Amino acid sequence: MIARFVQVRTRPGERVLTPFMGVGSEVYETVRQGRVGIGIELKPSYYEQAVRNLAAVDSDNDAEPTLVDAMGGLS
């Protein structure tokens, strides 16, 4: 469902804001499809899981920088 929504409602290169990121499903799919994902999460454990989940985008799309790269990697 997330993949289809991103594909239909956005274009490559556009920014997609997810104000309640959770574990990063929307941001993951957004970045995987060549959009810029912006996620906001207050709960540290959810944020940390989102960072781990988003690291998987690297294996899907090695040619382009990912959100994890922009954040300075996993620290």
PDB file of N, CA and C in Angstrom:
ATOM      1  N   MET A   1       0.821  -1.178   0.000  1.00  0.00           N
ATOM      2  CA  MET A   1       0.000   0.000   0.000  1.00  0.00           C
ATOM      3  C   MET A   1       0.880   1.263   0.000  1.00  0.00           C
ATOM      4  N   ILE A   2       1.918   1.274   0.829  1.00  0.00           N
ATOM      5  CA  ILE A   2       2.802   2.442   0.900  1.00  0.00           C
ATOM      6  C   ILE A   2       3.500   2.649  -0.438  1.00  0.00           C
ATOM      7  N   ALA A   3       3.999   1.554  -1.017  1.00  0.00           N
ATOM      8  CA  ALA A   3       4.715   1.654  -2.296  1.00  0.00           C
ATOM      9  C   ALA A   3       3.819   2.240  -3.382  1.00  0.00           C
ATOM     10  N   ARG A   4       2.600   1.760  -3.451  1.00  0.00           N
ATOM     11  CA  ARG A   4       1.666   2.243  -4.479  1.00  0.00           C
ATOM     12  C   ARG A   4       1.330   3.722  -4.279  1.00  0.00           C
ATOM     13  N   PHE A   5       1.102   4.123  -3.031  1.00  0.00           N
ATOM     14  CA  PHE A   5       0.784   5.519  -2.749  1.00  0.00           C
ATOM     15  C   PHE A   5       1.942   6.432  -3.167  1.00  0.00           C
ATOM     16  N   VAL A   6       3.150   6.061  -2.794  1.00  0.00           N
ATOM     17  CA  VAL A   6       4.326   6.872  -3.149  1.00  0.00           C
ATOM     18  C   VAL A   6       4.461   6.957  -4.667  1.00  0.00           C
ATOM     19  N   GLN A   7       4.281   5.834  -5.341  1.00  0.00           N
ATOM     20  CA  GLN A   7       4.417   5.796  -6.792  1.00  0.00           C
ATOM     21  C   GLN A   7       3.376   6.675  -7.491  1.00  0.00           C
ATOM     22  N   VAL A   8       2.134   6.611  -7.022  1.00  0.00           N
ATOM     23  CA  VAL A   8       1.034   7.325  -7.683  1.00  0.00           C
ATOM     24  C   VAL A   8       1.001   8.809  -7.322  1.00  0.00           C
ATOM     25  N   ARG A   9       1.298   9.152  -6.072  1.00  0.00           N
ATOM     26  CA  ARG A   9       1.096  10.518  -5.595  1.00  0.00           C
ATOM     27  C   ARG A   9       2.338  11.404  -5.600  1.00  0.00           C
ATOM     28  N   THR A  10       3.522  10.838  -5.907  1.00  0.00           N
ATOM     29  CA  THR A  10       4.746  11.636  -5.903  1.00  0.00           C
ATOM     30  C   THR A  10       5.568  11.342  -7.151  1.00  0.00           C
ATOM     31  N   ARG A  11       6.543  12.214  -7.396  1.00  0.00           N
ATOM     32  CA  ARG A  11       7.457  12.030  -8.521  1.00  0.00           C
ATOM     33  C   ARG A  11       8.872  11.873  -7.981  1.00  0.00           C
ATOM     34  N   PRO A  12       9.733  11.169  -8.726  1.00  0.00           N
ATOM     35  CA  PRO A  12      11.131  11.043  -8.285  1.00  0.00           C
ATOM     36  C   PRO A  12      11.739  12.412  -7.987  1.00  0.00           C
ATOM     37  N   GLY A  13      12.481  12.480  -6.891  1.00  0.00           N
ATOM     38  CA  GLY A  13      13.126  13.718  -6.473  1.00  0.00           C
ATOM     39  C   GLY A  13      12.299  14.579  -5.532  1.00  0.00           C
ATOM     40  N   GLU A  14      10.995  14.330  -5.458  1.00  0.00           N
ATOM     41  CA  GLU A  14      10.157  15.114  -4.547  1.00  0.00           C
ATOM     42  C   GLU A  14      10.413  14.726  -3.099  1.00  0.00           C
ATOM     43  N   ARG A  15      10.058  15.621  -2.194  1.00  0.00           N
ATOM     44  CA  ARG A  15      10.185  15.374  -0.760  1.00  0.00           C
ATOM     45  C   ARG A  15       8.870  14.841  -0.205  1.00  0.00           C
ATOM     46  N   VAL A  16       8.990  13.856   0.677  1.00  0.00           N
ATOM     47  CA  VAL A  16       7.825  13.284   1.341  1.00  0.00           C
ATOM     48  C   VAL A  16       8.065  13.381   2.842  1.00  0.00           C
ATOM     49  N   LEU A  17       7.186  14.079   3.543  1.00  0.00           N
ATOM     50  CA  LEU A  17       7.295  14.274   4.979  1.00  0.00           C
ATOM     51  C   LEU A  17       6.423  13.266   5.707  1.00  0.00           C
ATOM     52  N   THR A  18       7.020  12.588   6.682  1.00  0.00           N
ATOM     53  CA  THR A  18       6.295  11.670   7.547  1.00  0.00           C
ATOM     54  C   THR A  18       6.469  12.164   8.976  1.00  0.00           C
ATOM     55  N   PRO A  19       5.504  12.941   9.496  1.00  0.00           N
ATOM     56  CA  PRO A  19       5.679  13.557  10.804  1.00  0.00           C
ATOM     57  C   PRO A  19       5.642  12.574  11.972  1.00  0.00           C
ATOM     58  N   PHE A  20       5.108  11.394  11.768  1.00  0.00           N
ATOM     59  CA  PHE A  20       5.084  10.359  12.808  1.00  0.00           C
ATOM     60  C   PHE A  20       5.719   9.119  12.189  1.00  0.00           C
ATOM     61  N   MET A  21       7.059   9.102  12.142  1.00  0.00           N
ATOM     62  CA  MET A  21       7.809   8.129  11.356  1.00  0.00           C
ATOM     63  C   MET A  21       7.703   6.703  11.877  1.00  0.00           C
ATOM     64  N   GLY A  22       7.576   6.515  13.164  1.00  0.00           N
ATOM     65  CA  GLY A  22       7.568   5.157  13.691  1.00  0.00           C
ATOM     66  C   GLY A  22       8.871   4.462  13.361  1.00  0.00           C
ATOM     67  N   VAL A  23       8.792   3.266  12.766  1.00  0.00           N
ATOM     68  CA  VAL A  23      10.007   2.524  12.432  1.00  0.00           C
ATOM     69  C   VAL A  23      10.468   2.781  11.002  1.00  0.00           C
ATOM     70  N   GLY A  24       9.856   3.740  10.306  1.00  0.00           N
ATOM     71  CA  GLY A  24      10.372   4.226   9.036  1.00  0.00           C
ATOM     72  C   GLY A  24       9.855   3.587   7.771  1.00  0.00           C
ATOM     73  N   SER A  25       8.723   2.912   7.811  1.00  0.00           N
ATOM     74  CA  SER A  25       8.208   2.240   6.614  1.00  0.00           C
ATOM     75  C   SER A  25       7.963   3.198   5.457  1.00  0.00           C
ATOM     76  N   GLU A  26       7.324   4.340   5.733  1.00  0.00           N
ATOM     77  CA  GLU A  26       7.039   5.301   4.672  1.00  0.00           C
ATOM     78  C   GLU A  26       8.322   5.922   4.131  1.00  0.00           C
ATOM     79  N   VAL A  27       9.241   6.266   5.017  1.00  0.00           N
ATOM     80  CA  VAL A  27      10.500   6.869   4.576  1.00  0.00           C
ATOM     81  C   VAL A  27      11.311   5.854   3.778  1.00  0.00           C
ATOM     82  N   TYR A  28      11.331   4.606   4.216  1.00  0.00           N
ATOM     83  CA  TYR A  28      12.047   3.541   3.498  1.00  0.00           C
ATOM     84  C   TYR A  28      11.563   3.453   2.058  1.00  0.00           C
ATOM     85  N   GLU A  29      10.263   3.340   1.884  1.00  0.00           N
ATOM     86  CA  GLU A  29       9.710   3.181   0.533  1.00  0.00           C
ATOM     87  C   GLU A  29       9.911   4.436  -0.301  1.00  0.00           C
ATOM     88  N   THR A  30       9.806   5.589   0.326  1.00  0.00           N
ATOM     89  CA  THR A  30      10.028   6.851  -0.374  1.00  0.00           C
ATOM     90  C   THR A  30      11.442   6.922  -0.932  1.00  0.00           C
ATOM     91  N   VAL A  31      12.420   6.619  -0.096  1.00  0.00           N
ATOM     92  CA  VAL A  31      13.827   6.660  -0.527  1.00  0.00           C
ATOM     93  C   VAL A  31      14.096   5.579  -1.561  1.00  0.00           C
ATOM     94  N   ARG A  32      13.544   4.401  -1.359  1.00  0.00           N
ATOM     95  CA  ARG A  32      13.737   3.301  -2.310  1.00  0.00           C
ATOM     96  C   ARG A  32      13.253   3.671  -3.705  1.00  0.00           C
ATOM     97  N   GLN A  33      12.209   4.494  -3.783  1.00  0.00           N
ATOM     98  CA  GLN A  33      11.658   4.893  -5.080  1.00  0.00           C
ATOM     99  C   GLN A  33      12.260   6.185  -5.616  1.00  0.00           C
ATOM    100  N   GLY A  34      13.346   6.661  -5.019  1.00  0.00           N
ATOM    101  CA  GLY A  34      14.043   7.814  -5.570  1.00  0.00           C
ATOM    102  C   GLY A  34      13.491   9.160  -5.140  1.00  0.00           C
ATOM    103  N   ARG A  35      12.737   9.183  -4.067  1.00  0.00           N
ATOM    104  CA  ARG A  35      12.246  10.435  -3.497  1.00  0.00           C
ATOM    105  C   ARG A  35      13.097  10.779  -2.277  1.00  0.00           C
ATOM    106  N   VAL A  36      12.899  11.957  -1.735  1.00  0.00           N
ATOM    107  CA  VAL A  36      13.605  12.371  -0.521  1.00  0.00           C
ATOM    108  C   VAL A  36      12.646  12.172   0.644  1.00  0.00           C
ATOM    109  N   GLY A  37      12.990  11.285   1.552  1.00  0.00           N
ATOM    110  CA  GLY A  37      12.138  11.003   2.693  1.00  0.00           C
ATOM    111  C   GLY A  37      12.575  11.798   3.905  1.00  0.00           C
ATOM    112  N   ILE A  38      11.627  12.458   4.545  1.00  0.00           N
ATOM    113  CA  ILE A  38      11.887  13.216   5.762  1.00  0.00           C
ATOM    114  C   ILE A  38      10.967  12.654   6.837  1.00  0.00           C
ATOM    115  N   GLY A  39      11.557  12.110   7.897  1.00  0.00           N
ATOM    116  CA  GLY A  39      10.765  11.512   8.959  1.00  0.00           C
ATOM    117  C   GLY A  39      11.056  12.153  10.300  1.00  0.00           C
ATOM    118  N   ILE A  40      10.040  12.264  11.117  1.00  0.00           N
ATOM    119  CA  ILE A  40      10.168  12.832  12.460  1.00  0.00           C
ATOM    120  C   ILE A  40       9.648  11.781  13.448  1.00  0.00           C
ATOM    121  N   GLU A  41      10.457  11.480  14.448  1.00  0.00           N
ATOM    122  CA  GLU A  41      10.045  10.515  15.463  1.00  0.00           C
ATOM    123  C   GLU A  41      10.604  10.944  16.811  1.00  0.00           C
ATOM    124  N   LEU A  42       9.753  11.006  17.821  1.00  0.00           N
ATOM    125  CA  LEU A  42      10.169  11.414  19.156  1.00  0.00           C
ATOM    126  C   LEU A  42      10.667  10.254  20.012  1.00  0.00           C
ATOM    127  N   LYS A  43      10.135   9.075  19.807  1.00  0.00           N
ATOM    128  CA  LYS A  43      10.502   7.937  20.650  1.00  0.00           C
ATOM    129  C   LYS A  43      11.860   7.370  20.204  1.00  0.00           C
ATOM    130  N   PRO A  44      12.883   7.441  21.056  1.00  0.00           N
ATOM    131  CA  PRO A  44      14.227   7.008  20.663  1.00  0.00           C
ATOM    132  C   PRO A  44      14.305   5.578  20.130  1.00  0.00           C
ATOM    133  N   SER A  45      13.586   4.654  20.725  1.00  0.00           N
ATOM    134  CA  SER A  45      13.675   3.265  20.262  1.00  0.00           C
ATOM    135  C   SER A  45      13.096   3.101  18.856  1.00  0.00           C
ATOM    136  N   TYR A  46      12.036   3.829  18.531  1.00  0.00           N
ATOM    137  CA  TYR A  46      11.486   3.777  17.174  1.00  0.00           C
ATOM    138  C   TYR A  46      12.458   4.410  16.190  1.00  0.00           C
ATOM    139  N   TYR A  47      13.037   5.549  16.572  1.00  0.00           N
ATOM    140  CA  TYR A  47      14.006   6.213  15.700  1.00  0.00           C
ATOM    141  C   TYR A  47      15.180   5.280  15.401  1.00  0.00           C
ATOM    142  N   GLU A  48      15.721   4.637  16.432  1.00  0.00           N
ATOM    143  CA  GLU A  48      16.867   3.742  16.242  1.00  0.00           C
ATOM    144  C   GLU A  48      16.506   2.574  15.328  1.00  0.00           C
ATOM    145  N   GLN A  49      15.301   2.046  15.470  1.00  0.00           N
ATOM    146  CA  GLN A  49      14.870   0.966  14.577  1.00  0.00           C
ATOM    147  C   GLN A  49      14.694   1.485  13.154  1.00  0.00           C
ATOM    148  N   ALA A  50      14.177   2.687  13.002  1.00  0.00           N
ATOM    149  CA  ALA A  50      14.020   3.271  11.668  1.00  0.00           C
ATOM    150  C   ALA A  50      15.366   3.419  10.976  1.00  0.00           C
ATOM    151  N   VAL A  51      16.374   3.855  11.708  1.00  0.00           N
ATOM    152  CA  VAL A  51      17.719   3.990  11.136  1.00  0.00           C
ATOM    153  C   VAL A  51      18.216   2.624  10.665  1.00  0.00           C
ATOM    154  N   ARG A  52      18.015   1.587  11.469  1.00  0.00           N
ATOM    155  CA  ARG A  52      18.428   0.235  11.059  1.00  0.00           C
ATOM    156  C   ARG A  52      17.649  -0.222   9.826  1.00  0.00           C
ATOM    157  N   ASN A  53      16.351   0.034   9.805  1.00  0.00           N
ATOM    158  CA  ASN A  53      15.540  -0.357   8.653  1.00  0.00           C
ATOM    159  C   ASN A  53      15.978   0.378   7.389  1.00  0.00           C
ATOM    160  N   LEU A  54      16.273   1.660   7.526  1.00  0.00           N
ATOM    161  CA  LEU A  54      16.654   2.454   6.361  1.00  0.00           C
ATOM    162  C   LEU A  54      18.032   2.069   5.817  1.00  0.00           C
ATOM    163  N   ALA A  55      18.859   1.452   6.633  1.00  0.00           N
ATOM    164  CA  ALA A  55      20.163   0.991   6.147  1.00  0.00           C
ATOM    165  C   ALA A  55      19.987  -0.032   5.035  1.00  0.00           C
ATOM    166  N   ALA A  56      18.882  -0.747   5.027  1.00  0.00           N
ATOM    167  CA  ALA A  56      18.621  -1.740   3.990  1.00  0.00           C
ATOM    168  C   ALA A  56      18.400  -1.105   2.626  1.00  0.00           C
ATOM    169  N   VAL A  57      18.044   0.158   2.580  1.00  0.00           N
ATOM    170  CA  VAL A  57      17.856   0.838   1.298  1.00  0.00           C
ATOM    171  C   VAL A  57      19.169   0.843   0.524  1.00  0.00           C
ATOM    172  N   ASP A  58      20.298   0.902   1.221  1.00  0.00           N
ATOM    173  CA  ASP A  58      21.603   0.893   0.562  1.00  0.00           C
ATOM    174  C   ASP A  58      21.751  -0.314  -0.350  1.00  0.00           C
ATOM    175  N   SER A  59      21.313  -1.467   0.084  1.00  0.00           N
ATOM    176  CA  SER A  59      21.451  -2.667  -0.734  1.00  0.00           C
ATOM    177  C   SER A  59      20.506  -2.635  -1.933  1.00  0.00           C
ATOM    178  N   ASP A  60      19.399  -1.906  -1.814  1.00  0.00           N
ATOM    179  CA  ASP A  60      18.451  -1.791  -2.923  1.00  0.00           C
ATOM    180  C   ASP A  60      18.897  -0.774  -3.963  1.00  0.00           C
ATOM    181  N   ASN A  61      19.642   0.256  -3.532  1.00  0.00           N
ATOM    182  CA  ASN A  61      19.922   1.378  -4.417  1.00  0.00           C
ATOM    183  C   ASN A  61      21.301   1.948  -4.091  1.00  0.00           C
ATOM    184  N   ASP A  62      22.362   1.226  -4.459  1.00  0.00           N
ATOM    185  CA  ASP A  62      23.720   1.636  -4.118  1.00  0.00           C
ATOM    186  C   ASP A  62      24.182   2.888  -4.855  1.00  0.00           C
ATOM    187  N   ALA A  63      23.575   3.234  -5.971  1.00  0.00           N
ATOM    188  CA  ALA A  63      24.046   4.349  -6.790  1.00  0.00           C
ATOM    189  C   ALA A  63      23.730   5.714  -6.192  1.00  0.00           C
ATOM    190  N   GLU A  64      22.684   5.818  -5.389  1.00  0.00           N
ATOM    191  CA  GLU A  64      22.269   7.107  -4.847  1.00  0.00           C
ATOM    192  C   GLU A  64      22.438   7.139  -3.339  1.00  0.00           C
ATOM    193  N   PRO A  65      22.794   8.322  -2.770  1.00  0.00           N
ATOM    194  CA  PRO A  65      22.877   8.424  -1.319  1.00  0.00           C
ATOM    195  C   PRO A  65      21.502   8.218  -0.686  1.00  0.00           C
ATOM    196  N   THR A  66      21.496   7.662   0.489  1.00  0.00           N
ATOM    197  CA  THR A  66      20.239   7.391   1.183  1.00  0.00           C
ATOM    198  C   THR A  66      20.084   8.319   2.378  1.00  0.00           C
ATOM    199  N   LEU A  67      18.964   8.207   3.029  1.00  0.00           N
ATOM    200  CA  LEU A  67      18.714   8.978   4.232  1.00  0.00           C
ATOM    201  C   LEU A  67      19.748   8.653   5.300  1.00  0.00           C
ATOM    202  N   VAL A  68      20.134   7.407   5.410  1.00  0.00           N
ATOM    203  CA  VAL A  68      21.124   7.013   6.395  1.00  0.00           C
ATOM    204  C   VAL A  68      22.465   7.710   6.099  1.00  0.00           C
ATOM    205  N   ASP A  69      22.824   7.799   4.815  1.00  0.00           N
ATOM    206  CA  ASP A  69      24.055   8.520   4.451  1.00  0.00           C
ATOM    207  C   ASP A  69      23.965   9.975   4.869  1.00  0.00           C
ATOM    208  N   ALA A  70      22.823  10.591   4.602  1.00  0.00           N
ATOM    209  CA  ALA A  70      22.644  12.004   4.937  1.00  0.00           C
ATOM    210  C   ALA A  70      22.702  12.253   6.430  1.00  0.00           C
ATOM    211  N   MET A  71      22.321  11.235   7.221  1.00  0.00           N
ATOM    212  CA  MET A  71      22.330  11.364   8.670  1.00  0.00           C
ATOM    213  C   MET A  71      23.702  11.052   9.253  1.00  0.00           C
ATOM    214  N   GLY A  72      24.664  10.710   8.425  1.00  0.00           N
ATOM    215  CA  GLY A  72      26.000  10.414   8.901  1.00  0.00           C
ATOM    216  C   GLY A  72      26.214   8.953   9.257  1.00  0.00           C
ATOM    217  N   GLY A  73      25.373   8.082   8.719  1.00  0.00           N
ATOM    218  CA  GLY A  73      25.529   6.659   8.972  1.00  0.00           C
ATOM    219  C   GLY A  73      24.894   6.222  10.269  1.00  0.00           C
ATOM    220  N   LEU A  74      25.144   5.011  10.619  1.00  0.00           N
ATOM    221  CA  LEU A  74      24.601   4.446  11.852  1.00  0.00           C
ATOM    222  C   LEU A  74      25.565   4.718  12.982  1.00  0.00           C
ATOM    223  N   SER A  75      25.137   5.491  13.959  1.00  0.00           N
ATOM    224  CA  SER A  75      26.021   5.770  15.088  1.00  0.00           C
ATOM    225  C   SER A  75      25.347   5.473  16.402  1.00  0.00           C
TER     226      SER A  75
END
